């Protein structure tokens, strides 16, 4: 389900704030020509225009979705 751009940015910021340095957001959009679901390569940036990886069409991004990548760190064991 796509969200309006302002709501999408707000939700992405909530994720970034919650995981402080351990999360990256990759924004998605749907090509207006071929309907392919596309994703931006650069994390944490929602561009105004997206270029479809399938047909090459430029789409003005007014709404979209996101994929969140969260890095988990192993708990360090201490031996005493």
N, C-alpha and C. Protein backbone atom coordinates (compact mmCIF):
# COMPACT_ATOMS: atom_id res chain seq x y z
N UNK A 1 0.84 -1.18 0.00
CA UNK A 1 0.00 0.00 0.00
C UNK A 1 0.88 1.24 0.00
N UNK A 2 0.69 2.10 -0.97
CA UNK A 2 1.45 3.34 -1.04
C UNK A 2 0.85 4.39 -0.12
N UNK A 3 1.73 5.21 0.42
CA UNK A 3 1.33 6.32 1.28
C UNK A 3 1.64 7.63 0.58
N UNK A 4 0.89 8.69 0.89
CA UNK A 4 1.24 10.00 0.37
C UNK A 4 2.66 10.37 0.83
N UNK A 5 3.34 11.14 0.02
CA UNK A 5 4.74 11.46 0.27
C UNK A 5 5.00 12.02 1.68
N UNK A 6 4.19 12.93 2.16
CA UNK A 6 4.41 13.52 3.48
C UNK A 6 4.28 12.48 4.59
N UNK A 7 3.30 11.60 4.47
CA UNK A 7 3.11 10.56 5.48
C UNK A 7 4.24 9.53 5.41
N UNK A 8 4.67 9.21 4.20
CA UNK A 8 5.77 8.27 4.01
C UNK A 8 7.06 8.80 4.64
N UNK A 9 7.36 10.07 4.42
CA UNK A 9 8.55 10.67 5.01
C UNK A 9 8.48 10.69 6.54
N UNK A 10 7.30 10.95 7.07
CA UNK A 10 7.11 10.96 8.52
C UNK A 10 7.37 9.57 9.11
N UNK A 11 6.82 8.54 8.49
CA UNK A 11 7.01 7.17 8.99
C UNK A 11 8.47 6.75 8.87
N UNK A 12 9.12 7.13 7.80
CA UNK A 12 10.54 6.81 7.63
C UNK A 12 11.37 7.48 8.71
N UNK A 13 11.06 8.72 9.03
CA UNK A 13 11.81 9.44 10.07
C UNK A 13 11.59 8.78 11.43
N UNK A 14 10.40 8.30 11.69
CA UNK A 14 10.13 7.59 12.94
C UNK A 14 11.01 6.34 13.06
N UNK A 15 11.16 5.61 11.98
CA UNK A 15 12.01 4.42 11.98
C UNK A 15 13.47 4.80 12.22
N UNK A 16 13.93 5.82 11.51
CA UNK A 16 15.33 6.26 11.66
C UNK A 16 15.60 6.76 13.08
N UNK A 17 14.66 7.48 13.64
CA UNK A 17 14.82 7.97 15.02
C UNK A 17 14.82 6.81 16.02
N UNK A 18 13.96 5.85 15.80
CA UNK A 18 13.85 4.73 16.74
C UNK A 18 15.11 3.87 16.77
N UNK A 19 15.70 3.64 15.61
CA UNK A 19 16.86 2.74 15.53
C UNK A 19 18.20 3.47 15.41
N UNK A 20 18.20 4.75 15.57
CA UNK A 20 19.37 5.63 15.66
C UNK A 20 20.68 5.04 15.12
N UNK A 21 20.86 5.17 13.82
CA UNK A 21 22.11 4.74 13.21
C UNK A 21 22.17 3.26 12.85
N UNK A 22 21.15 2.51 13.20
CA UNK A 22 21.14 1.07 12.90
C UNK A 22 20.15 0.71 11.80
N UNK A 23 19.49 1.71 11.23
CA UNK A 23 18.48 1.44 10.20
C UNK A 23 18.74 2.28 8.96
N UNK A 24 18.34 1.72 7.84
CA UNK A 24 18.34 2.46 6.58
C UNK A 24 16.99 2.23 5.93
N UNK A 25 16.47 3.27 5.29
CA UNK A 25 15.18 3.20 4.61
C UNK A 25 15.43 3.30 3.11
N UNK A 26 14.87 2.37 2.36
CA UNK A 26 14.94 2.41 0.90
C UNK A 26 13.52 2.66 0.41
N UNK A 27 13.33 3.79 -0.28
CA UNK A 27 12.00 4.17 -0.74
C UNK A 27 11.64 3.46 -2.04
N UNK A 28 10.34 3.15 -2.18
CA UNK A 28 9.80 2.47 -3.36
C UNK A 28 8.76 3.36 -4.04
N UNK A 29 8.60 3.14 -5.32
CA UNK A 29 7.55 3.83 -6.08
C UNK A 29 7.09 2.90 -7.20
N UNK A 30 5.95 3.22 -7.78
CA UNK A 30 5.42 2.44 -8.89
C UNK A 30 5.53 3.26 -10.16
N UNK A 31 6.12 2.66 -11.20
CA UNK A 31 6.26 3.32 -12.49
C UNK A 31 4.86 3.61 -13.05
N UNK A 32 4.64 4.86 -13.43
CA UNK A 32 3.32 5.22 -13.95
C UNK A 32 3.06 4.65 -15.35
N UNK A 33 4.11 4.23 -16.05
CA UNK A 33 3.95 3.70 -17.40
C UNK A 33 3.71 2.18 -17.41
N UNK A 34 4.65 1.42 -16.80
CA UNK A 34 4.54 -0.05 -16.88
C UNK A 34 4.08 -0.70 -15.58
N UNK A 35 3.90 0.10 -14.53
CA UNK A 35 3.42 -0.36 -13.22
C UNK A 35 4.42 -1.24 -12.46
N UNK A 36 5.67 -1.25 -12.90
CA UNK A 36 6.72 -1.98 -12.19
C UNK A 36 6.97 -1.32 -10.84
N UNK A 37 7.19 -2.13 -9.83
CA UNK A 37 7.52 -1.62 -8.49
C UNK A 37 9.03 -1.39 -8.47
N UNK A 38 9.44 -0.17 -8.21
CA UNK A 38 10.85 0.20 -8.27
C UNK A 38 11.32 0.66 -6.89
N UNK A 39 12.63 0.60 -6.68
CA UNK A 39 13.21 1.00 -5.41
C UNK A 39 14.44 1.86 -5.68
N UNK A 40 14.58 2.93 -4.90
CA UNK A 40 15.76 3.78 -5.05
C UNK A 40 16.97 3.08 -4.43
N UNK A 41 18.12 3.20 -5.09
CA UNK A 41 19.35 2.57 -4.62
C UNK A 41 19.94 3.26 -3.40
N UNK A 42 19.77 4.55 -3.32
CA UNK A 42 20.38 5.35 -2.25
C UNK A 42 19.47 5.32 -1.02
N UNK A 43 19.98 4.89 0.14
CA UNK A 43 19.14 4.83 1.33
C UNK A 43 18.82 6.22 1.89
N UNK A 44 17.66 6.32 2.53
CA UNK A 44 17.24 7.49 3.30
C UNK A 44 16.99 8.74 2.46
N UNK A 45 16.84 8.57 1.15
CA UNK A 45 16.56 9.71 0.27
C UNK A 45 15.35 9.38 -0.60
N UNK A 46 14.35 10.24 -0.54
CA UNK A 46 13.18 10.09 -1.41
C UNK A 46 13.28 11.16 -2.48
N UNK A 47 13.57 10.74 -3.69
CA UNK A 47 13.74 11.66 -4.82
C UNK A 47 12.39 12.11 -5.36
N UNK A 48 12.39 13.24 -6.04
CA UNK A 48 11.18 13.76 -6.68
C UNK A 48 10.81 12.95 -7.93
N UNK A 49 11.84 12.47 -8.64
CA UNK A 49 11.66 11.71 -9.87
C UNK A 49 12.34 10.36 -9.72
N UNK A 50 11.67 9.31 -10.15
CA UNK A 50 12.25 7.98 -10.16
C UNK A 50 12.32 7.46 -11.59
N UNK A 51 13.40 6.76 -11.91
CA UNK A 51 13.55 6.17 -13.23
C UNK A 51 13.31 4.67 -13.09
N UNK A 52 12.38 4.16 -13.86
CA UNK A 52 11.99 2.77 -13.78
C UNK A 52 13.13 1.86 -14.21
N UNK A 53 13.43 0.87 -13.41
CA UNK A 53 14.49 -0.09 -13.74
C UNK A 53 14.07 -1.05 -14.85
N UNK A 54 12.78 -1.12 -15.12
CA UNK A 54 12.28 -2.04 -16.14
C UNK A 54 12.16 -1.37 -17.52
N UNK A 55 11.49 -0.21 -17.59
CA UNK A 55 11.24 0.42 -18.89
C UNK A 55 11.97 1.75 -19.09
N UNK A 56 12.59 2.29 -18.03
CA UNK A 56 13.35 3.53 -18.15
C UNK A 56 12.53 4.80 -18.09
N UNK A 57 11.24 4.67 -17.88
CA UNK A 57 10.35 5.84 -17.82
C UNK A 57 10.62 6.65 -16.55
N UNK A 58 10.55 7.97 -16.67
CA UNK A 58 10.68 8.85 -15.51
C UNK A 58 9.30 9.08 -14.91
N UNK A 59 9.19 8.83 -13.61
CA UNK A 59 7.93 8.97 -12.90
C UNK A 59 8.10 10.00 -11.79
N UNK A 60 7.18 10.95 -11.73
CA UNK A 60 7.16 11.90 -10.61
C UNK A 60 6.62 11.15 -9.39
N UNK A 61 7.40 11.15 -8.31
CA UNK A 61 7.04 10.38 -7.12
C UNK A 61 6.18 11.24 -6.19
N UNK A 62 4.90 10.90 -6.13
CA UNK A 62 3.95 11.61 -5.28
C UNK A 62 3.54 10.77 -4.08
N UNK A 63 3.73 9.47 -4.19
CA UNK A 63 3.44 8.54 -3.10
C UNK A 63 4.35 7.33 -3.26
N UNK A 64 4.36 6.48 -2.26
CA UNK A 64 5.23 5.31 -2.36
C UNK A 64 5.24 4.50 -1.08
N UNK A 65 6.22 3.64 -1.01
CA UNK A 65 6.39 2.76 0.14
C UNK A 65 7.85 2.76 0.55
N UNK A 66 8.19 1.85 1.45
CA UNK A 66 9.58 1.79 1.89
C UNK A 66 9.92 0.38 2.34
N UNK A 67 11.20 0.09 2.27
CA UNK A 67 11.77 -1.13 2.80
C UNK A 67 12.76 -0.69 3.87
N UNK A 68 12.73 -1.32 5.02
CA UNK A 68 13.61 -0.93 6.12
C UNK A 68 14.65 -2.03 6.34
N UNK A 69 15.90 -1.61 6.41
CA UNK A 69 17.00 -2.51 6.73
C UNK A 69 17.51 -2.14 8.12
N UNK A 70 17.51 -3.10 9.03
CA UNK A 70 17.98 -2.86 10.40
C UNK A 70 19.15 -3.78 10.68
N UNK A 71 20.26 -3.20 11.09
CA UNK A 71 21.45 -3.98 11.44
C UNK A 71 21.36 -4.40 12.90
N UNK A 72 21.51 -5.67 13.11
CA UNK A 72 21.52 -6.20 14.46
C UNK A 72 22.96 -6.44 14.89
N UNK A 73 23.26 -6.09 16.10
CA UNK A 73 24.61 -6.31 16.62
C UNK A 73 24.57 -7.45 17.61
N UNK A 74 25.58 -8.30 17.53
CA UNK A 74 25.67 -9.42 18.46
C UNK A 74 26.01 -8.89 19.85
N UNK A 75 25.40 -9.49 20.86
CA UNK A 75 25.67 -9.10 22.24
C UNK A 75 27.05 -9.62 22.63
N UNK A 76 27.87 -8.75 23.18
CA UNK A 76 29.22 -9.14 23.58
C UNK A 76 29.16 -9.84 24.92
N UNK A 77 29.81 -10.99 24.98
CA UNK A 77 29.85 -11.74 26.22
C UNK A 77 31.07 -11.34 27.02
N UNK A 78 30.92 -11.27 28.31
CA UNK A 78 32.05 -10.98 29.17
C UNK A 78 32.33 -12.21 30.02
N UNK A 79 33.60 -12.53 30.13
CA UNK A 79 34.01 -13.70 30.94
C UNK A 79 34.82 -13.20 32.12
N UNK A 80 34.36 -13.49 33.28
CA UNK A 80 35.08 -13.04 34.49
C UNK A 80 35.50 -14.23 35.31
